Amino acid sequence: IQIAQCFEATRQRCCRLEQDGRRAREQLARVEAERAALEVKLKHARNQVEVEMKKRHRAEAELEKQEHKLQLVFESLMREPWGSGVLSGEQRSVLSALAGRRLGVALAPGRRSSVVDESCQSLLSHSDISYDRTEDDVVRS
């Protein structure tokens, strides 16, 4: 009777362990599916950040190009002898004031849009993304 009771206790323990194993495998499958979905989202987010960074760099390059053109036009207006006759003293002073405030600051080398930098710095900074792609290679191998 004792041997039968021991066998029954062992059988019940084995059944519990099998159920625990099944639940653990199901949970693992759910977590792996969730991880895969999150990896897809991360990939899309990275791609979107890359696209937006490229757009930003193109826009900043175009801005610098246009500001340079504007600066050349301004300098031409201020230096040309015919500009003196066409522009009144008040117009020249307004242009000088605008050039001092806008063009002088805008054409500084390496200038970035401060609004974008302040609002998106943590989103766009590569230093904030601490992700090592070599981990993917190890996991998928």
C-alpha atoms as a PDB file:
ATOM      1  CA  ILE A   1       0.000   0.000   0.000  1.00  0.00           C
ATOM      2  CA  GLN A   2       2.867   2.366   0.828  1.00  0.00           C
ATOM      3  CA  ILE A   3       4.551   1.627  -2.496  1.00  0.00           C
ATOM      4  CA  ALA A   4       1.273   2.272  -4.325  1.00  0.00           C
ATOM      5  CA  GLN A   5       0.846   5.548  -2.402  1.00  0.00           C
ATOM      6  CA  CYS A   6       4.418   6.582  -3.294  1.00  0.00           C
ATOM      7  CA  PHE A   7       3.791   5.742  -6.964  1.00  0.00           C
ATOM      8  CA  GLU A   8       0.548   7.730  -6.890  1.00  0.00           C
ATOM      9  CA  ALA A   9       2.254  10.726  -5.268  1.00  0.00           C
ATOM     10  CA  THR A  10       5.048  10.532  -7.860  1.00  0.00           C
ATOM     11  CA  ARG A  11       2.511  10.245 -10.694  1.00  0.00           C
ATOM     12  CA  GLN A  12       0.608  13.293  -9.394  1.00  0.00           C
ATOM     13  CA  ARG A  13       3.854  15.254  -9.087  1.00  0.00           C
ATOM     14  CA  CYS A  14       4.785  14.280 -12.657  1.00  0.00           C
ATOM     15  CA  CYS A  15       1.359  15.439 -13.867  1.00  0.00           C
ATOM     16  CA  ARG A  16       1.799  18.780 -12.090  1.00  0.00           C
ATOM     17  CA  LEU A  17       5.282  19.169 -13.570  1.00  0.00           C
ATOM     18  CA  GLU A  18       3.953  18.383 -17.065  1.00  0.00           C
ATOM     19  CA  GLN A  19       1.222  20.996 -16.620  1.00  0.00           C
ATOM     20  CA  ASP A  20       3.781  23.524 -15.362  1.00  0.00           C
ATOM     21  CA  GLY A  21       5.993  22.739 -18.351  1.00  0.00           C
ATOM     22  CA  ARG A  22       3.066  23.190 -20.748  1.00  0.00           C
ATOM     23  CA  ARG A  23       2.150  26.531 -19.179  1.00  0.00           C
ATOM     24  CA  ALA A  24       5.786  27.639 -19.332  1.00  0.00           C
ATOM     25  CA  ARG A  25       6.025  26.690 -23.039  1.00  0.00           C
ATOM     26  CA  GLU A  26       2.783  28.568 -23.770  1.00  0.00           C
ATOM     27  CA  GLN A  27       4.039  31.614 -21.889  1.00  0.00           C
ATOM     28  CA  LEU A  28       7.365  31.407 -23.738  1.00  0.00           C
ATOM     29  CA  ALA A  29       5.541  31.290 -27.087  1.00  0.00           C
ATOM     30  CA  ARG A  30       3.473  34.365 -26.136  1.00  0.00           C
ATOM     31  CA  VAL A  31       6.551  36.269 -24.978  1.00  0.00           C
ATOM     32  CA  GLU A  32       8.485  35.335 -28.139  1.00  0.00           C
ATOM     33  CA  ALA A  33       5.576  36.513 -30.313  1.00  0.00           C
ATOM     34  CA  GLU A  34       5.438  39.772 -28.366  1.00  0.00           C
ATOM     35  CA  ARG A  35       9.217  40.196 -28.703  1.00  0.00           C
ATOM     36  CA  ALA A  36       9.014  39.621 -32.456  1.00  0.00           C
ATOM     37  CA  ALA A  37       6.241  42.214 -32.747  1.00  0.00           C
ATOM     38  CA  LEU A  38       8.294  44.698 -30.724  1.00  0.00           C
ATOM     39  CA  GLU A  39      11.339  44.048 -32.917  1.00  0.00           C
ATOM     40  CA  VAL A  40       9.256  44.843 -36.000  1.00  0.00           C
ATOM     41  CA  LYS A  41       8.046  48.062 -34.360  1.00  0.00           C
ATOM     42  CA  LEU A  42      11.624  48.953 -33.430  1.00  0.00           C
ATOM     43  CA  LYS A  43      12.780  48.354 -36.995  1.00  0.00           C
ATOM     44  CA  HIS A  44      10.016  50.575 -38.359  1.00  0.00           C
ATOM     45  CA  ALA A  45      10.786  53.269 -35.799  1.00  0.00           C
ATOM     46  CA  ARG A  46      14.484  53.178 -36.703  1.00  0.00           C
ATOM     47  CA  ASN A  47      13.686  53.427 -40.387  1.00  0.00           C
ATOM     48  CA  GLN A  48      11.358  56.359 -39.726  1.00  0.00           C
ATOM     49  CA  VAL A  49      14.016  58.128 -37.665  1.00  0.00           C
ATOM     50  CA  GLU A  50      16.537  57.581 -40.448  1.00  0.00           C
ATOM     51  CA  VAL A  51      14.122  58.957 -43.072  1.00  0.00           C
ATOM     52  CA  GLU A  52      13.327  61.981 -40.914  1.00  0.00           C
ATOM     53  CA  MET A  53      17.016  62.640 -40.255  1.00  0.00           C
ATOM     54  CA  LYS A  54      17.728  62.564 -43.999  1.00  0.00           C
ATOM     55  CA  LYS A  55      14.828  64.946 -44.633  1.00  0.00           C
ATOM     56  CA  ARG A  56      16.089  67.230 -41.894  1.00  0.00           C
ATOM     57  CA  HIS A  57      19.625  67.294 -43.282  1.00  0.00           C
ATOM     58  CA  ARG A  58      18.335  68.016 -46.795  1.00  0.00           C
ATOM     59  CA  ALA A  59      16.109  70.811 -45.476  1.00  0.00           C
ATOM     60  CA  GLU A  60      18.968  72.311 -43.470  1.00  0.00           C
ATOM     61  CA  ALA A  61      21.267  72.168 -46.503  1.00  0.00           C
ATOM     62  CA  GLU A  62      18.615  73.888 -48.606  1.00  0.00           C
ATOM     63  CA  LEU A  63      18.092  76.490 -45.884  1.00  0.00           C
ATOM     64  CA  GLU A  64      21.802  77.242 -45.735  1.00  0.00           C
ATOM     65  CA  LYS A  65      21.921  77.485 -49.529  1.00  0.00           C
ATOM     66  CA  GLN A  66      18.981  79.901 -49.617  1.00  0.00           C
ATOM     67  CA  GLU A  67      20.392  81.970 -46.757  1.00  0.00           C
ATOM     68  CA  HIS A  68      23.705  82.198 -48.569  1.00  0.00           C
ATOM     69  CA  LYS A  69      21.914  83.431 -51.684  1.00  0.00           C
ATOM     70  CA  LEU A  70      20.030  85.967 -49.584  1.00  0.00           C
ATOM     71  CA  GLN A  71      23.273  87.128 -48.022  1.00  0.00           C
ATOM     72  CA  LEU A  72      24.829  87.576 -51.480  1.00  0.00           C
ATOM     73  CA  VAL A  73      21.826  89.603 -52.654  1.00  0.00           C
ATOM     74  CA  PHE A  74      21.991  91.740 -49.533  1.00  0.00           C
ATOM     75  CA  GLU A  75      25.719  92.350 -49.939  1.00  0.00           C
ATOM     76  CA  SER A  76      25.214  93.187 -53.589  1.00  0.00           C
ATOM     77  CA  LEU A  77      22.491  95.693 -52.718  1.00  0.00           C
ATOM     78  CA  MET A  78      24.620  97.333 -50.054  1.00  0.00           C
ATOM     79  CA  ARG A  79      27.844  97.512 -52.121  1.00  0.00           C
ATOM     80  CA  GLU A  80      26.639  98.456 -55.571  1.00  0.00           C
ATOM     81  CA  PRO A  81      26.710 102.161 -56.374  1.00  0.00           C
ATOM     82  CA  TRP A  82      23.309 101.924 -58.033  1.00  0.00           C
ATOM     83  CA  GLY A  83      21.945 100.427 -54.791  1.00  0.00           C
ATOM     84  CA  SER A  84      22.709 103.619 -52.942  1.00  0.00           C
ATOM     85  CA  GLY A  85      20.548 105.613 -55.315  1.00  0.00           C
ATOM     86  CA  VAL A  86      17.699 103.119 -55.356  1.00  0.00           C
ATOM     87  CA  LEU A  87      17.547 102.472 -51.628  1.00  0.00           C
ATOM     88  CA  SER A  88      16.677 105.238 -49.221  1.00  0.00           C
ATOM     89  CA  GLY A  89      18.622 105.670 -46.012  1.00  0.00           C
ATOM     90  CA  GLU A  90      15.763 104.169 -44.050  1.00  0.00           C
ATOM     91  CA  GLN A  91      15.626 101.114 -46.331  1.00  0.00           C
ATOM     92  CA  ARG A  92      19.388 100.622 -45.992  1.00  0.00           C
ATOM     93  CA  SER A  93      19.184 100.819 -42.209  1.00  0.00           C
ATOM     94  CA  VAL A  94      16.321  98.310 -42.159  1.00  0.00           C
ATOM     95  CA  LEU A  95      18.294  95.926 -44.387  1.00  0.00           C
ATOM     96  CA  SER A  96      21.368  96.356 -42.185  1.00  0.00           C
ATOM     97  CA  ALA A  97      19.336  95.613 -39.073  1.00  0.00           C
ATOM     98  CA  LEU A  98      17.796  92.534 -40.694  1.00  0.00           C
ATOM     99  CA  ALA A  99      21.154  91.355 -41.913  1.00  0.00           C
ATOM    100  CA  GLY A 100      22.663  91.785 -38.474  1.00  0.00           C
ATOM    101  CA  ARG A 101      19.925  89.880 -36.717  1.00  0.00           C
ATOM    102  CA  ARG A 102      18.865  87.242 -39.215  1.00  0.00           C
ATOM    103  CA  LEU A 103      21.579  86.635 -41.765  1.00  0.00           C
ATOM    104  CA  GLY A 104      24.566  87.007 -39.485  1.00  0.00           C
ATOM    105  CA  VAL A 105      23.190  84.479 -37.033  1.00  0.00           C
ATOM    106  CA  ALA A 106      21.671  82.209 -39.658  1.00  0.00           C
ATOM    107  CA  LEU A 107      24.865  81.752 -41.622  1.00  0.00           C
ATOM    108  CA  ALA A 108      26.957  80.676 -38.676  1.00  0.00           C
ATOM    109  CA  PRO A 109      28.818  77.464 -39.560  1.00  0.00           C
ATOM    110  CA  GLY A 110      27.298  74.264 -38.264  1.00  0.00           C
ATOM    111  CA  ARG A 111      24.062  76.003 -37.337  1.00  0.00           C
ATOM    112  CA  ARG A 112      21.110  73.754 -36.571  1.00  0.00           C
ATOM    113  CA  SER A 113      17.489  74.561 -36.029  1.00  0.00           C
ATOM    114  CA  SER A 114      17.288  75.011 -32.269  1.00  0.00           C
ATOM    115  CA  VAL A 115      13.572  74.276 -32.179  1.00  0.00           C
ATOM    116  CA  VAL A 116      14.115  70.858 -33.715  1.00  0.00           C
ATOM    117  CA  ASP A 117      17.181  70.172 -31.587  1.00  0.00           C
ATOM    118  CA  GLU A 118      15.389  70.984 -28.339  1.00  0.00           C
ATOM    119  CA  SER A 119      12.162  69.165 -29.076  1.00  0.00           C
ATOM    120  CA  CYS A 120      13.553  66.028 -30.719  1.00  0.00           C
ATOM    121  CA  GLN A 121      17.007  65.652 -29.259  1.00  0.00           C
ATOM    122  CA  SER A 122      16.244  62.563 -27.227  1.00  0.00           C
ATOM    123  CA  LEU A 123      14.323  60.968 -30.095  1.00  0.00           C
ATOM    124  CA  LEU A 124      16.899  61.607 -32.774  1.00  0.00           C
ATOM    125  CA  SER A 125      20.132  61.290 -30.886  1.00  0.00           C
ATOM    126  CA  HIS A 126      21.993  58.131 -31.853  1.00  0.00           C
ATOM    127  CA  SER A 127      23.746  58.160 -28.491  1.00  0.00           C
ATOM    128  CA  ASP A 128      20.404  57.581 -26.761  1.00  0.00           C
ATOM    129  CA  ILE A 129      19.822  54.369 -28.709  1.00  0.00           C
ATOM    130  CA  SER A 130      21.852  51.686 -27.023  1.00  0.00           C
ATOM    131  CA  TYR A 131      21.066  48.737 -29.223  1.00  0.00           C
ATOM    132  CA  ASP A 132      23.646  46.304 -30.475  1.00  0.00           C
ATOM    133  CA  ARG A 133      22.690  44.583 -33.734  1.00  0.00           C
ATOM    134  CA  THR A 134      25.146  41.756 -33.025  1.00  0.00           C
ATOM    135  CA  GLU A 135      22.703  40.477 -30.417  1.00  0.00           C
ATOM    136  CA  ASP A 136      20.220  39.796 -33.238  1.00  0.00           C
ATOM    137  CA  ASP A 137      22.757  37.665 -35.071  1.00  0.00           C
ATOM    138  CA  VAL A 138      23.426  35.566 -31.981  1.00  0.00           C
ATOM    139  CA  VAL A 139      19.728  35.108 -31.158  1.00  0.00           C
ATOM    140  CA  ARG A 140      18.697  34.168 -34.703  1.00  0.00           C
ATOM    141  CA  SER A 141      21.600  31.770 -35.346  1.00  0.00           C
END
